[in-house]
Amino acid sequence: MAHIETILGQICSTRKYTESLLDGLTPEEWFRMPTEGVTHIAWQVGHISLAEYYLALKRIRGKRPEDGALVSEELVALFGKGSTPQAESDVYPSPDEIRQMFDGVHRQAVEEIGNLQDAILDESTDPPHPMFSTKLGALRFCPQHEMLHAGQIGLLRRLLGNKPLR
């Protein structure tokens, strides 16, 4: 279980950092774009949610019928790879709804990863990805991908006038 425990620790510590960046933000700040065509915090959080679903759940055990309760096709269109953040907040769910997806996907991922055996980690993932080819690679990439977007959230916080975290 050494790989699983290490990966789970990285995923959870990265999530704690991302959550700290979200603390204290107003609903308006979730959708503010400091300049046209950039991004906003709501898109970043939605995108992290979908990425965690795809990296830590779907690529590991495949899609399940109950996954629709975690992520819908509408949310994939709004936050998925290749989507473009829109300035109009009314096209998105509320920050609370986005946060529910963020938290729900994470809870499910932590539960399922905790039940994995190291023996499956060398299995290939489907579909192929340019950053990894195995389930171990998908799980390792999950906190790396989240940290990249956490950095963007941190920058957005600063551009919106928030003080840096200590």
Protein backbone atom coordinates (compact mmCIF):
# COMPACT_ATOMS: atom_id res chain seq x y z
CA MET A 1 0.00 0.00 0.00
CA ALA A 2 3.01 2.33 -0.04
CA HIS A 3 2.19 3.95 -3.38
CA ILE A 4 -1.49 4.34 -2.55
CA GLU A 5 -0.80 5.95 0.83
CA THR A 6 1.74 8.35 -0.67
CA ILE A 7 -0.54 9.38 -3.51
CA LEU A 8 -3.52 9.77 -1.21
CA GLY A 9 -1.45 11.99 1.07
CA GLN A 10 -0.41 14.17 -1.86
CA ILE A 11 -3.96 14.47 -3.17
CA CYS A 12 -5.30 15.40 0.28
CA SER A 13 -2.56 17.92 1.12
CA THR A 14 -2.95 19.60 -2.26
CA ARG A 15 -6.70 19.85 -1.68
CA LYS A 16 -6.18 21.48 1.72
CA TYR A 17 -4.02 24.12 0.06
CA THR A 18 -6.62 24.74 -2.68
CA GLU A 19 -9.36 25.02 -0.04
CA SER A 20 -7.30 27.61 1.83
CA LEU A 21 -7.25 29.72 -1.33
CA LEU A 22 -11.06 29.60 -1.50
CA ASP A 23 -11.67 30.57 2.13
CA GLY A 24 -13.23 33.98 2.54
CA LEU A 25 -13.99 34.62 -1.13
CA THR A 26 -17.31 36.29 -1.89
CA PRO A 27 -19.67 34.85 -4.53
CA GLU A 28 -18.87 37.87 -6.71
CA GLU A 29 -15.14 37.15 -6.52
CA TRP A 30 -15.75 33.63 -7.82
CA PHE A 31 -16.85 35.05 -11.19
CA ARG A 32 -14.72 38.19 -11.53
CA MET A 33 -12.24 38.17 -14.36
CA PRO A 34 -9.46 40.68 -13.70
CA THR A 35 -9.23 41.24 -17.43
CA GLU A 36 -11.32 40.07 -20.34
CA GLY A 37 -10.59 36.63 -21.67
CA VAL A 38 -8.58 35.42 -18.70
CA THR A 39 -10.43 33.11 -16.30
CA HIS A 40 -12.22 33.18 -12.99
CA ILE A 41 -12.11 31.20 -9.78
CA ALA A 42 -15.42 29.43 -10.48
CA TRP A 43 -14.03 27.95 -13.70
CA GLN A 44 -10.80 26.91 -11.98
CA VAL A 45 -12.66 25.09 -9.19
CA GLY A 46 -15.07 23.42 -11.61
CA HIS A 47 -12.17 22.34 -13.79
CA ILE A 48 -10.23 20.90 -10.84
CA SER A 49 -13.35 18.92 -9.90
CA LEU A 50 -13.69 17.38 -13.35
CA ALA A 51 -10.00 16.63 -13.62
CA GLU A 52 -10.02 14.82 -10.29
CA TYR A 53 -13.02 12.77 -11.46
CA TYR A 54 -11.30 11.79 -14.71
CA LEU A 55 -7.84 11.19 -13.22
CA ALA A 56 -8.68 9.53 -9.90
CA LEU A 57 -11.95 7.76 -10.70
CA LYS A 58 -12.81 7.24 -14.36
CA ARG A 59 -9.30 6.39 -15.56
CA ILE A 60 -8.82 4.04 -12.61
CA ARG A 61 -12.09 2.06 -12.58
CA GLY A 62 -14.05 3.25 -15.62
CA LYS A 63 -17.29 5.23 -15.82
CA ARG A 64 -20.14 4.08 -13.60
CA PRO A 65 -23.86 4.92 -13.86
CA GLU A 66 -23.80 6.63 -10.46
CA ASP A 67 -21.07 9.04 -11.64
CA GLY A 68 -23.78 11.31 -13.05
CA ALA A 69 -24.50 12.37 -9.47
CA LEU A 70 -20.89 13.60 -9.23
CA VAL A 71 -20.46 15.27 -12.64
CA SER A 72 -23.07 15.91 -15.32
CA GLU A 73 -22.59 16.41 -19.05
CA GLU A 74 -23.58 20.06 -18.54
CA LEU A 75 -20.72 20.50 -16.07
CA VAL A 76 -18.30 18.80 -18.46
CA ALA A 77 -19.30 21.33 -21.13
CA LEU A 78 -18.76 24.25 -18.72
CA PHE A 79 -15.54 23.14 -17.03
CA GLY A 80 -14.01 20.34 -19.06
CA LYS A 81 -10.81 20.28 -21.05
CA GLY A 82 -11.07 22.75 -23.92
CA SER A 83 -13.91 24.77 -22.36
CA THR A 84 -13.58 28.54 -22.25
CA PRO A 85 -14.40 30.52 -19.10
CA GLN A 86 -17.35 32.83 -19.71
CA ALA A 87 -17.65 36.23 -18.03
CA GLU A 88 -21.42 35.82 -17.53
CA SER A 89 -21.93 34.21 -14.13
CA ASP A 90 -25.51 33.19 -14.97
CA VAL A 91 -24.26 30.43 -17.30
CA TYR A 92 -22.66 28.69 -14.30
CA PRO A 93 -23.95 26.99 -11.19
CA SER A 94 -23.60 29.03 -8.00
CA PRO A 95 -20.33 28.92 -6.04
CA ASP A 96 -22.08 26.67 -3.49
CA GLU A 97 -23.09 24.21 -6.21
CA ILE A 98 -19.61 24.23 -7.73
CA ARG A 99 -18.17 23.68 -4.28
CA GLN A 100 -20.54 20.72 -3.75
CA MET A 101 -19.17 19.09 -6.91
CA PHE A 102 -15.60 19.92 -5.83
CA ASP A 103 -16.14 18.36 -2.40
CA GLY A 104 -18.24 15.42 -3.62
CA VAL A 105 -15.78 14.29 -6.29
CA HIS A 106 -12.93 14.60 -3.80
CA ARG A 107 -14.72 12.56 -1.13
CA GLN A 108 -15.47 9.81 -3.65
CA ALA A 109 -11.91 9.83 -4.99
CA VAL A 110 -10.37 9.61 -1.52
CA GLU A 111 -12.69 6.74 -0.59
CA GLU A 112 -12.00 4.76 -3.74
CA ILE A 113 -8.25 5.42 -3.82
CA GLY A 114 -8.04 4.29 -0.20
CA ASN A 115 -9.49 0.92 -1.23
CA LEU A 116 -7.09 0.35 -4.14
CA GLN A 117 -4.29 -2.18 -4.15
CA ASP A 118 -0.82 -1.26 -5.43
CA ALA A 119 -1.02 -4.22 -7.84
CA ILE A 120 -3.38 -2.33 -10.20
CA LEU A 121 -1.14 0.72 -10.50
CA ASP A 122 0.91 -0.62 -13.41
CA GLU A 123 -2.21 -1.18 -15.53
CA SER A 124 -2.59 1.13 -18.51
CA THR A 125 -5.23 3.83 -18.59
CA ASP A 126 -7.84 4.41 -21.22
CA PRO A 127 -7.88 6.72 -23.06
CA PRO A 128 -4.16 7.44 -23.46
CA HIS A 129 -2.82 10.71 -22.04
CA PRO A 130 0.37 12.59 -23.04
CA MET A 131 1.52 12.89 -19.40
CA PHE A 132 1.14 9.27 -18.30
CA SER A 133 0.25 5.78 -19.48
CA THR A 134 -0.56 3.92 -16.26
CA LYS A 135 -3.02 4.23 -13.41
CA LEU A 136 -0.13 5.16 -11.14
CA GLY A 137 0.71 7.99 -13.52
CA ALA A 138 -2.90 9.20 -13.55
CA LEU A 139 -3.01 9.30 -9.76
CA ARG A 140 0.37 11.04 -9.53
CA PHE A 141 -0.75 13.64 -12.07
CA CYS A 142 -3.94 14.41 -10.14
CA PRO A 143 -2.36 16.59 -7.39
CA GLN A 144 0.11 18.07 -9.89
CA HIS A 145 -2.75 19.22 -12.09
CA GLU A 146 -4.66 20.61 -9.10
CA MET A 147 -1.60 22.52 -7.88
CA LEU A 148 -1.21 24.12 -11.30
CA HIS A 149 -4.78 25.43 -11.07
CA ALA A 150 -4.37 26.34 -7.39
CA GLY A 151 -1.55 28.62 -8.54
CA GLN A 152 -3.94 30.27 -10.96
CA ILE A 153 -6.49 30.71 -8.16
CA GLY A 154 -3.77 32.29 -6.01
CA LEU A 155 -2.90 34.71 -8.78
CA LEU A 156 -6.56 35.57 -9.34
CA ARG A 157 -6.96 36.25 -5.61
CA ARG A 158 -4.08 38.73 -5.75
CA LEU A 159 -5.41 40.41 -8.91
CA LEU A 160 -8.78 40.78 -7.17
CA GLY A 161 -7.08 42.62 -4.31
CA ASN A 162 -6.86 39.84 -1.72
CA LYS A 163 -3.80 39.53 0.48
CA PRO A 164 -1.49 36.56 -0.02
CA LEU A 165 -1.91 33.58 2.26
CA ARG A 166 0.55 33.22 5.09
